[in-house]
Amino acid sequence: MAFHTAVKKISAGGEIAARTALVLMVVHVCAEAIGRYIFNQPLPMTIEIVAYYYLVALVFLPLASVELADGHTKVELLAEMIGPRSSAVTELISGFLSIGIVALITVATFHEAITQTRISAVASGPFFDLPVWPTRWIVTLGFTLFLVALITRLPEIKRRVFAA
């Protein structure tokens, strides 16, 4: 239970970071619009910062939190027709498949993060080069937390299979 609690807290931290990125993105884009249309002086690299930092954090950091809340999209049409035990079995199979797929994605994003860090990847802009390699680690962190959340939920799903 201590591990599950730690995973929930870390996942909640990812969600808070994503919400913070959303607020910062809104403020940044509003400041850019005000600068562009009122002062005729837009903020440089706003689109790049939004695309490479804010949106990456917004998409990938809350994945684990959504999984722990059982909030990902599901197709429940067949689950209603096959009964609770069969439904739990299909959810268990889906859980194992998800773990395998997310593990592969996590490894791939880890290798990509290492590659991008080694070459110090940047997005070139008119005013400066924006380092984008750190965002590759945000993706890896998001998928790692997602993988841990999937693994953490597996015993709960197993209990439903044997209880039904």
N, C-alpha and C. Protein backbone atom coordinates (compact mmCIF):
# COMPACT_ATOMS: atom_id res chain seq x y z
N MET A 1 0.82 -1.21 0.00
CA MET A 1 0.00 0.00 0.00
C MET A 1 0.86 1.26 0.00
N ALA A 2 2.02 1.22 0.63
CA ALA A 2 2.88 2.39 0.66
C ALA A 2 3.35 2.75 -0.74
N PHE A 3 3.64 1.71 -1.55
CA PHE A 3 4.07 1.94 -2.93
C PHE A 3 2.95 2.59 -3.72
N HIS A 4 1.74 2.07 -3.56
CA HIS A 4 0.58 2.62 -4.27
C HIS A 4 0.35 4.08 -3.88
N THR A 5 0.50 4.39 -2.61
CA THR A 5 0.35 5.77 -2.13
C THR A 5 1.41 6.67 -2.73
N ALA A 6 2.65 6.18 -2.79
CA ALA A 6 3.74 6.96 -3.38
C ALA A 6 3.47 7.22 -4.86
N VAL A 7 3.00 6.20 -5.56
CA VAL A 7 2.69 6.35 -6.99
C VAL A 7 1.59 7.38 -7.18
N LYS A 8 0.57 7.33 -6.33
CA LYS A 8 -0.52 8.31 -6.43
C LYS A 8 -0.02 9.74 -6.20
N LYS A 9 0.87 9.90 -5.22
CA LYS A 9 1.39 11.24 -4.92
C LYS A 9 2.27 11.76 -6.06
N ILE A 10 3.12 10.90 -6.59
CA ILE A 10 3.98 11.31 -7.70
C ILE A 10 3.13 11.62 -8.93
N SER A 11 2.12 10.81 -9.18
CA SER A 11 1.23 11.04 -10.31
C SER A 11 0.47 12.36 -10.13
N ALA A 12 0.05 12.63 -8.92
CA ALA A 12 -0.62 13.90 -8.63
C ALA A 12 0.34 15.06 -8.88
N GLY A 13 1.62 14.87 -8.58
CA GLY A 13 2.62 15.89 -8.87
C GLY A 13 2.73 16.15 -10.36
N GLY A 14 2.67 15.08 -11.16
CA GLY A 14 2.67 15.24 -12.61
C GLY A 14 1.46 16.02 -13.09
N GLU A 15 0.33 15.74 -12.49
CA GLU A 15 -0.90 16.46 -12.86
C GLU A 15 -0.80 17.93 -12.48
N ILE A 16 -0.25 18.21 -11.31
CA ILE A 16 -0.08 19.61 -10.87
C ILE A 16 0.88 20.33 -11.81
N ALA A 17 1.96 19.65 -12.21
CA ALA A 17 2.90 20.26 -13.15
C ALA A 17 2.23 20.56 -14.49
N ALA A 18 1.37 19.65 -14.93
CA ALA A 18 0.65 19.87 -16.19
C ALA A 18 -0.31 21.05 -16.07
N ARG A 19 -1.00 21.14 -14.96
CA ARG A 19 -1.92 22.27 -14.75
C ARG A 19 -1.15 23.59 -14.69
N THR A 20 0.02 23.55 -14.07
CA THR A 20 0.87 24.74 -14.01
C THR A 20 1.31 25.14 -15.41
N ALA A 21 1.68 24.15 -16.23
CA ALA A 21 2.07 24.43 -17.62
C ALA A 21 0.91 25.06 -18.38
N LEU A 22 -0.30 24.60 -18.11
CA LEU A 22 -1.48 25.17 -18.77
C LEU A 22 -1.66 26.63 -18.41
N VAL A 23 -1.54 26.94 -17.13
CA VAL A 23 -1.70 28.33 -16.68
C VAL A 23 -0.59 29.20 -17.28
N LEU A 24 0.64 28.71 -17.24
CA LEU A 24 1.76 29.47 -17.82
C LEU A 24 1.56 29.69 -19.32
N MET A 25 1.06 28.67 -20.00
CA MET A 25 0.82 28.79 -21.43
C MET A 25 -0.23 29.87 -21.71
N VAL A 26 -1.30 29.88 -20.94
CA VAL A 26 -2.35 30.88 -21.13
C VAL A 26 -1.79 32.28 -20.90
N VAL A 27 -1.04 32.44 -19.83
CA VAL A 27 -0.45 33.76 -19.52
C VAL A 27 0.52 34.17 -20.63
N HIS A 28 1.35 33.23 -21.07
CA HIS A 28 2.34 33.52 -22.10
C HIS A 28 1.67 33.92 -23.42
N VAL A 29 0.67 33.16 -23.84
CA VAL A 29 -0.01 33.45 -25.10
C VAL A 29 -0.78 34.78 -25.00
N CYS A 30 -1.40 35.03 -23.86
CA CYS A 30 -2.10 36.32 -23.68
C CYS A 30 -1.11 37.48 -23.71
N ALA A 31 0.04 37.31 -23.05
CA ALA A 31 1.06 38.36 -23.06
C ALA A 31 1.57 38.59 -24.48
N GLU A 32 1.72 37.51 -25.23
CA GLU A 32 2.18 37.62 -26.62
C GLU A 32 1.13 38.36 -27.46
N ALA A 33 -0.13 38.04 -27.27
CA ALA A 33 -1.21 38.70 -28.03
C ALA A 33 -1.29 40.18 -27.67
N ILE A 34 -1.18 40.50 -26.40
CA ILE A 34 -1.20 41.90 -25.98
C ILE A 34 0.00 42.64 -26.57
N GLY A 35 1.17 42.00 -26.47
CA GLY A 35 2.36 42.63 -27.04
C GLY A 35 2.25 42.83 -28.54
N ARG A 36 1.70 41.86 -29.22
CA ARG A 36 1.58 41.93 -30.69
C ARG A 36 0.57 42.98 -31.12
N TYR A 37 -0.62 42.98 -30.53
CA TYR A 37 -1.70 43.82 -31.04
C TYR A 37 -1.82 45.19 -30.37
N ILE A 38 -1.31 45.33 -29.17
CA ILE A 38 -1.40 46.64 -28.50
C ILE A 38 -0.09 47.42 -28.62
N PHE A 39 1.04 46.72 -28.39
CA PHE A 39 2.33 47.41 -28.40
C PHE A 39 3.13 47.17 -29.69
N ASN A 40 2.56 46.40 -30.60
CA ASN A 40 3.23 46.06 -31.85
C ASN A 40 4.61 45.45 -31.60
N GLN A 41 4.71 44.69 -30.54
CA GLN A 41 5.99 44.06 -30.14
C GLN A 41 5.69 42.65 -29.59
N PRO A 42 5.60 41.63 -30.47
CA PRO A 42 5.30 40.28 -29.99
C PRO A 42 6.45 39.68 -29.19
N LEU A 43 6.12 38.75 -28.33
CA LEU A 43 7.16 38.03 -27.59
C LEU A 43 7.84 37.04 -28.54
N PRO A 44 9.14 37.00 -28.53
CA PRO A 44 9.84 36.09 -29.45
C PRO A 44 9.67 34.63 -29.04
N MET A 45 9.56 33.78 -30.06
CA MET A 45 9.56 32.32 -29.91
C MET A 45 8.37 31.78 -29.11
N THR A 46 7.27 32.51 -29.05
CA THR A 46 6.11 32.05 -28.29
C THR A 46 5.58 30.73 -28.82
N ILE A 47 5.44 30.61 -30.11
CA ILE A 47 4.90 29.38 -30.70
C ILE A 47 5.81 28.19 -30.37
N GLU A 48 7.11 28.39 -30.46
CA GLU A 48 8.06 27.32 -30.17
C GLU A 48 8.02 26.91 -28.70
N ILE A 49 7.96 27.90 -27.82
CA ILE A 49 7.91 27.60 -26.38
C ILE A 49 6.62 26.86 -26.04
N VAL A 50 5.51 27.30 -26.61
CA VAL A 50 4.24 26.63 -26.38
C VAL A 50 4.30 25.20 -26.89
N ALA A 51 4.79 25.01 -28.11
CA ALA A 51 4.80 23.68 -28.72
C ALA A 51 5.79 22.73 -28.07
N TYR A 52 6.97 23.22 -27.74
CA TYR A 52 8.02 22.33 -27.23
C TYR A 52 8.01 22.16 -25.72
N TYR A 53 7.44 23.09 -24.98
CA TYR A 53 7.47 22.98 -23.52
C TYR A 53 6.07 22.79 -22.92
N TYR A 54 5.23 23.81 -23.05
CA TYR A 54 3.93 23.76 -22.38
C TYR A 54 3.08 22.57 -22.84
N LEU A 55 2.95 22.39 -24.13
CA LEU A 55 2.09 21.31 -24.63
C LEU A 55 2.64 19.93 -24.30
N VAL A 56 3.95 19.79 -24.34
CA VAL A 56 4.57 18.50 -23.99
C VAL A 56 4.24 18.16 -22.54
N ALA A 57 4.42 19.12 -21.64
CA ALA A 57 4.10 18.88 -20.23
C ALA A 57 2.61 18.61 -20.05
N LEU A 58 1.79 19.36 -20.76
CA LEU A 58 0.34 19.23 -20.64
C LEU A 58 -0.17 17.87 -21.10
N VAL A 59 0.46 17.31 -22.12
CA VAL A 59 0.01 16.03 -22.66
C VAL A 59 0.57 14.84 -21.87
N PHE A 60 1.85 14.85 -21.56
CA PHE A 60 2.49 13.63 -21.06
C PHE A 60 2.55 13.51 -19.53
N LEU A 61 2.63 14.60 -18.80
CA LEU A 61 2.76 14.49 -17.35
C LEU A 61 1.51 13.96 -16.64
N PRO A 62 0.29 14.24 -17.10
CA PRO A 62 -0.87 13.71 -16.37
C PRO A 62 -1.31 12.30 -16.77
N LEU A 63 -0.57 11.62 -17.66
CA LEU A 63 -1.00 10.29 -18.10
C LEU A 63 -1.20 9.32 -16.93
N ALA A 64 -0.28 9.31 -15.99
CA ALA A 64 -0.38 8.38 -14.85
C ALA A 64 -1.57 8.73 -13.97
N SER A 65 -1.77 10.00 -13.73
CA SER A 65 -2.89 10.42 -12.89
C SER A 65 -4.23 10.02 -13.51
N VAL A 66 -4.33 10.19 -14.81
CA VAL A 66 -5.56 9.80 -15.51
C VAL A 66 -5.75 8.29 -15.42
N GLU A 67 -4.68 7.52 -15.56
CA GLU A 67 -4.77 6.06 -15.46
C GLU A 67 -5.22 5.63 -14.07
N LEU A 68 -4.65 6.22 -13.04
CA LEU A 68 -5.02 5.85 -11.67
C LEU A 68 -6.47 6.21 -11.36
N ALA A 69 -6.97 7.23 -12.03
CA ALA A 69 -8.38 7.62 -11.84
C ALA A 69 -9.30 6.84 -12.77
N ASP A 70 -8.73 5.90 -13.54
CA ASP A 70 -9.47 5.09 -14.51
C ASP A 70 -10.20 6.00 -15.50
N GLY A 71 -9.48 7.02 -15.96
CA GLY A 71 -10.10 8.03 -16.80
C GLY A 71 -9.81 7.92 -18.28
N HIS A 72 -9.03 6.92 -18.69
CA HIS A 72 -8.77 6.79 -20.11
C HIS A 72 -9.99 6.24 -20.84
N THR A 73 -10.07 6.53 -22.11
CA THR A 73 -11.20 6.12 -22.93
C THR A 73 -11.29 4.61 -23.02
N LYS A 74 -12.49 4.10 -22.86
CA LYS A 74 -12.74 2.65 -22.96
C LYS A 74 -13.94 2.41 -23.85
N VAL A 75 -13.93 1.28 -24.49
CA VAL A 75 -15.09 0.85 -25.25
C VAL A 75 -15.84 -0.15 -24.37
N GLU A 76 -16.98 0.25 -23.85
CA GLU A 76 -17.70 -0.59 -22.90
C GLU A 76 -18.91 -1.28 -23.50
N LEU A 77 -19.10 -1.14 -24.77
CA LEU A 77 -20.26 -1.75 -25.41
C LEU A 77 -20.25 -3.26 -25.23
N LEU A 78 -19.14 -3.90 -25.54
CA LEU A 78 -19.04 -5.36 -25.39
C LEU A 78 -18.98 -5.78 -23.93
N ALA A 79 -18.34 -4.96 -23.10
CA ALA A 79 -18.21 -5.30 -21.69
C ALA A 79 -19.57 -5.46 -21.02
N GLU A 80 -20.54 -4.68 -21.43
CA GLU A 80 -21.88 -4.78 -20.85
C GLU A 80 -22.58 -6.07 -21.28
N MET A 81 -22.22 -6.58 -22.45
CA MET A 81 -22.89 -7.77 -22.98
C MET A 81 -22.27 -9.08 -22.47
N ILE A 82 -21.01 -9.06 -22.04
CA ILE A 82 -20.34 -10.33 -21.71
C ILE A 82 -20.33 -10.67 -20.23
N GLY A 83 -20.75 -9.80 -19.38
CA GLY A 83 -20.82 -10.11 -17.97
C GLY A 83 -19.60 -9.61 -17.21
N PRO A 84 -19.70 -9.57 -15.88
CA PRO A 84 -18.64 -8.95 -15.06
C PRO A 84 -17.31 -9.73 -15.08
N ARG A 85 -17.38 -11.08 -15.02
CA ARG A 85 -16.13 -11.85 -14.99
C ARG A 85 -15.38 -11.74 -16.32
N SER A 86 -16.07 -11.93 -17.42
CA SER A 86 -15.45 -11.81 -18.74
C SER A 86 -14.94 -10.40 -18.98
N SER A 87 -15.69 -9.45 -18.50
CA SER A 87 -15.27 -8.05 -18.62
C SER A 87 -13.98 -7.80 -17.85
N ALA A 88 -13.89 -8.36 -16.65
CA ALA A 88 -12.67 -8.22 -15.85
C ALA A 88 -11.49 -8.92 -16.51
N VAL A 89 -11.74 -10.09 -17.12
CA VAL A 89 -10.68 -10.81 -17.83
C VAL A 89 -10.18 -9.98 -19.01
N THR A 90 -11.09 -9.41 -19.78
CA THR A 90 -10.66 -8.60 -20.92
C THR A 90 -9.90 -7.36 -20.45
N GLU A 91 -10.30 -6.81 -19.31
CA GLU A 91 -9.58 -5.66 -18.77
C GLU A 91 -8.18 -6.07 -18.31
N LEU A 92 -8.06 -7.28 -17.76
CA LEU A 92 -6.75 -7.79 -17.35
C LEU A 92 -5.84 -7.99 -18.56
N ILE A 93 -6.38 -8.60 -19.61
CA ILE A 93 -5.60 -8.79 -20.85
C ILE A 93 -5.20 -7.42 -21.41
N SER A 94 -6.13 -6.51 -21.42
CA SER A 94 -5.84 -5.16 -21.89
C SER A 94 -4.75 -4.50 -21.04
N GLY A 95 -4.78 -4.75 -19.74
CA GLY A 95 -3.76 -4.20 -18.84
C GLY A 95 -2.38 -4.73 -19.17
N PHE A 96 -2.28 -6.05 -19.40
CA PHE A 96 -0.98 -6.63 -19.77
C PHE A 96 -0.49 -6.09 -21.11
N LEU A 97 -1.40 -6.01 -22.08
CA LEU A 97 -1.01 -5.45 -23.39
C LEU A 97 -0.57 -4.00 -23.25
N SER A 98 -1.29 -3.24 -22.47
CA SER A 98 -0.94 -1.83 -22.26
C SER A 98 0.43 -1.70 -21.62
N ILE A 99 0.71 -2.55 -20.64
CA ILE A 99 2.02 -2.51 -19.99
C ILE A 99 3.12 -2.79 -21.01
N GLY A 100 2.92 -3.79 -21.86
CA GLY A 100 3.93 -4.11 -22.87
C GLY A 100 4.14 -2.98 -23.85
N ILE A 101 3.06 -2.40 -24.33
CA ILE A 101 3.15 -1.32 -25.31
C ILE A 101 3.77 -0.07 -24.69
N VAL A 102 3.31 0.30 -23.51
CA VAL A 102 3.84 1.49 -22.85
C VAL A 102 5.30 1.29 -22.46
N ALA A 103 5.68 0.06 -22.10
CA ALA A 103 7.09 -0.22 -21.79
C ALA A 103 7.96 0.02 -23.03
N LEU A 104 7.50 -0.46 -24.18
CA LEU A 104 8.24 -0.24 -25.43
C LEU A 104 8.35 1.25 -25.75
N ILE A 105 7.26 1.97 -25.58
CA ILE A 105 7.28 3.41 -25.85
C ILE A 105 8.21 4.12 -24.87
N THR A 106 8.20 3.70 -23.61
CA THR A 106 9.06 4.30 -22.61
C THR A 106 10.53 4.11 -22.96
N VAL A 107 10.89 2.91 -23.36
CA VAL A 107 12.28 2.63 -23.76
C VAL A 107 12.65 3.48 -24.98
N ALA A 108 11.75 3.56 -25.95
CA ALA A 108 12.02 4.35 -27.16
C ALA A 108 12.20 5.83 -26.82
N THR A 109 11.34 6.36 -25.95
CA THR A 109 11.47 7.77 -25.59
C THR A 109 12.73 8.02 -24.77
N PHE A 110 13.13 7.03 -23.97
CA PHE A 110 14.38 7.15 -23.21
C PHE A 110 15.57 7.24 -24.15
N HIS A 111 15.61 6.37 -25.16
CA HIS A 111 16.71 6.40 -26.13
C HIS A 111 16.70 7.72 -26.92
N GLU A 112 15.51 8.18 -27.27
CA GLU A 112 15.41 9.45 -27.99
C GLU A 112 15.87 10.61 -27.11
N ALA A 113 15.53 10.57 -25.83
CA ALA A 113 15.96 11.63 -24.91
C ALA A 113 17.48 11.65 -24.79
N ILE A 114 18.08 10.47 -24.71
CA ILE A 114 19.54 10.40 -24.65
C ILE A 114 20.16 10.99 -25.92
N THR A 115 19.63 10.60 -27.06
CA THR A 115 20.14 11.10 -28.34
C THR A 115 20.02 12.61 -28.42
N GLN A 116 18.84 13.14 -28.09
CA GLN A 116 18.61 14.58 -28.17
C GLN A 116 19.48 15.35 -27.16
N THR A 117 19.74 14.74 -26.01
CA THR A 117 20.60 15.37 -25.00
C THR A 117 22.04 15.42 -25.50
N ARG A 118 22.50 14.33 -26.09
CA ARG A 118 23.88 14.27 -26.61
C ARG A 118 24.14 15.34 -27.66
N ILE A 119 23.16 15.58 -28.53
CA ILE A 119 23.37 16.56 -29.59
C ILE A 119 22.91 17.96 -29.18
N SER A 120 22.42 18.09 -27.96
CA SER A 120 21.90 19.37 -27.45
C SER A 120 20.91 19.98 -28.44
N ALA A 121 19.84 19.22 -28.72
CA ALA A 121 18.85 19.62 -29.73
C ALA A 121 18.23 20.97 -29.39
N VAL A 122 18.08 21.80 -30.43
CA VAL A 122 17.50 23.12 -30.27
C VAL A 122 16.49 23.37 -31.39
N ALA A 123 15.59 24.30 -31.12
CA ALA A 123 14.70 24.82 -32.16
C ALA A 123 15.24 26.19 -32.51
N SER A 124 15.63 26.35 -33.74
CA SER A 124 16.22 27.63 -34.17
C SER A 124 15.12 28.65 -34.41
N GLY A 125 15.36 29.82 -33.90
CA GLY A 125 14.41 30.89 -34.08
C GLY A 125 15.11 32.15 -34.56
N PRO A 126 14.34 33.19 -34.82
CA PRO A 126 14.94 34.42 -35.34
C PRO A 126 15.78 35.17 -34.30
N PHE A 127 15.50 34.93 -33.02
CA PHE A 127 16.19 35.68 -31.97
C PHE A 127 17.21 34.85 -31.20
N PHE A 128 16.91 33.59 -31.00
CA PHE A 128 17.82 32.70 -30.27
C PHE A 128 17.44 31.25 -30.55
N ASP A 129 18.34 30.35 -30.18
CA ASP A 129 18.07 28.92 -30.28
C ASP A 129 17.46 28.45 -28.96
N LEU A 130 16.31 27.81 -29.05
CA LEU A 130 15.61 27.31 -27.87
C LEU A 130 16.00 25.86 -27.64
N PRO A 131 16.64 25.54 -26.51
CA PRO A 131 16.97 24.14 -26.25
C PRO A 131 15.68 23.32 -26.09
N VAL A 132 15.56 22.26 -26.87
CA VAL A 132 14.37 21.41 -26.78
C VAL A 132 14.69 20.03 -26.23
N TRP A 133 15.96 19.72 -26.04
CA TRP A 133 16.29 18.40 -25.52
C TRP A 133 15.68 18.14 -24.14
N PRO A 134 15.53 19.13 -23.24
CA PRO A 134 14.91 18.80 -21.94
C PRO A 134 13.49 18.27 -22.05
N THR A 135 12.77 18.70 -23.08
CA THR A 135 11.38 18.24 -23.21
C THR A 135 11.30 16.76 -23.55
N ARG A 136 12.34 16.22 -24.14
CA ARG A 136 12.36 14.77 -24.42
C ARG A 136 12.36 13.98 -23.12
N TRP A 137 12.96 14.55 -22.09
CA TRP A 137 12.95 13.90 -20.77
C TRP A 137 11.58 14.01 -20.11
N ILE A 138 10.85 15.07 -20.42
CA ILE A 138 9.48 15.19 -19.90
C ILE A 138 8.61 14.08 -20.48
N VAL A 139 8.77 13.79 -21.77
CA VAL A 139 8.02 12.70 -22.40
C VAL A 139 8.37 11.38 -21.74
N THR A 140 9.67 11.13 -21.54
CA THR A 140 10.10 9.89 -20.91
C THR A 140 9.56 9.78 -19.49
N LEU A 141 9.62 10.87 -18.75
CA LEU A 141 9.08 10.87 -17.38
C LEU A 141 7.59 10.57 -17.40
N GLY A 142 6.85 11.19 -18.30
CA GLY A 142 5.41 10.96 -18.39
C GLY A 142 5.09 9.50 -18.67
N PHE A 143 5.80 8.90 -19.64
CA PHE A 143 5.53 7.50 -19.96
C PHE A 143 6.01 6.56 -18.85
N THR A 144 7.09 6.91 -18.17
CA THR A 144 7.55 6.08 -17.05
C THR A 144 6.51 6.07 -15.94
N LEU A 145 5.98 7.24 -15.60
CA LEU A 145 4.93 7.31 -14.58
C LEU A 145 3.68 6.56 -15.02
N PHE A 146 3.34 6.67 -16.31
CA PHE A 146 2.19 5.95 -16.86
C PHE A 146 2.40 4.45 -16.72
N LEU A 147 3.59 3.97 -17.03
CA LEU A 147 3.91 2.54 -16.92
C LEU A 147 3.79 2.07 -15.47
N VAL A 148 4.31 2.84 -14.55
CA VAL A 148 4.22 2.48 -13.13
C VAL A 148 2.76 2.47 -12.69
N ALA A 149 1.97 3.42 -13.16
CA ALA A 149 0.55 3.45 -12.81
C ALA A 149 -0.18 2.22 -13.36
N LEU A 150 0.14 1.82 -14.59
CA LEU A 150 -0.48 0.61 -15.16
C LEU A 150 -0.13 -0.62 -14.32
N ILE A 151 1.12 -0.73 -13.95
CA ILE A 151 1.55 -1.88 -13.13
C ILE A 151 0.88 -1.84 -11.77
N THR A 152 0.73 -0.66 -11.20
CA THR A 152 0.11 -0.51 -9.89
C THR A 152 -1.36 -0.93 -9.91
N ARG A 153 -2.04 -0.68 -11.01
CA ARG A 153 -3.47 -1.02 -11.10
C ARG A 153 -3.71 -2.50 -11.36
N LEU A 154 -2.71 -3.23 -11.81
CA LEU A 154 -2.90 -4.63 -12.19
C LEU A 154 -3.44 -5.52 -11.06
N PRO A 155 -2.91 -5.44 -9.83
CA PRO A 155 -3.47 -6.29 -8.76
C PRO A 155 -4.96 -6.03 -8.49
N GLU A 156 -5.37 -4.79 -8.60
CA GLU A 156 -6.79 -4.45 -8.41
C GLU A 156 -7.65 -5.14 -9.48
N ILE A 157 -7.17 -5.14 -10.71
CA ILE A 157 -7.91 -5.78 -11.80
C ILE A 157 -7.92 -7.30 -11.59
N LYS A 158 -6.79 -7.86 -11.15
CA LYS A 158 -6.74 -9.32 -10.86
C LYS A 158 -7.75 -9.71 -9.81
N ARG A 159 -7.87 -8.89 -8.76
CA ARG A 159 -8.85 -9.19 -7.70
C ARG A 159 -10.26 -9.22 -8.26
N ARG A 160 -10.56 -8.33 -9.19
CA ARG A 160 -11.90 -8.32 -9.78
C ARG A 160 -12.16 -9.58 -10.61
N VAL A 161 -11.09 -10.09 -11.25
CA VAL A 161 -11.25 -11.31 -12.06
C VAL A 161 -11.61 -12.48 -11.14
N PHE A 162 -10.90 -12.59 -10.04
CA PHE A 162 -11.14 -13.75 -9.15
C PHE A 162 -12.32 -13.56 -8.23
N ALA A 163 -12.77 -12.32 -8.04
CA ALA A 163 -13.94 -12.06 -7.21
C ALA A 163 -15.24 -12.30 -7.97
N ALA A 164 -15.17 -12.12 -9.29
CA ALA A 164 -16.39 -12.24 -10.09
C ALA A 164 -16.77 -13.69 -10.34
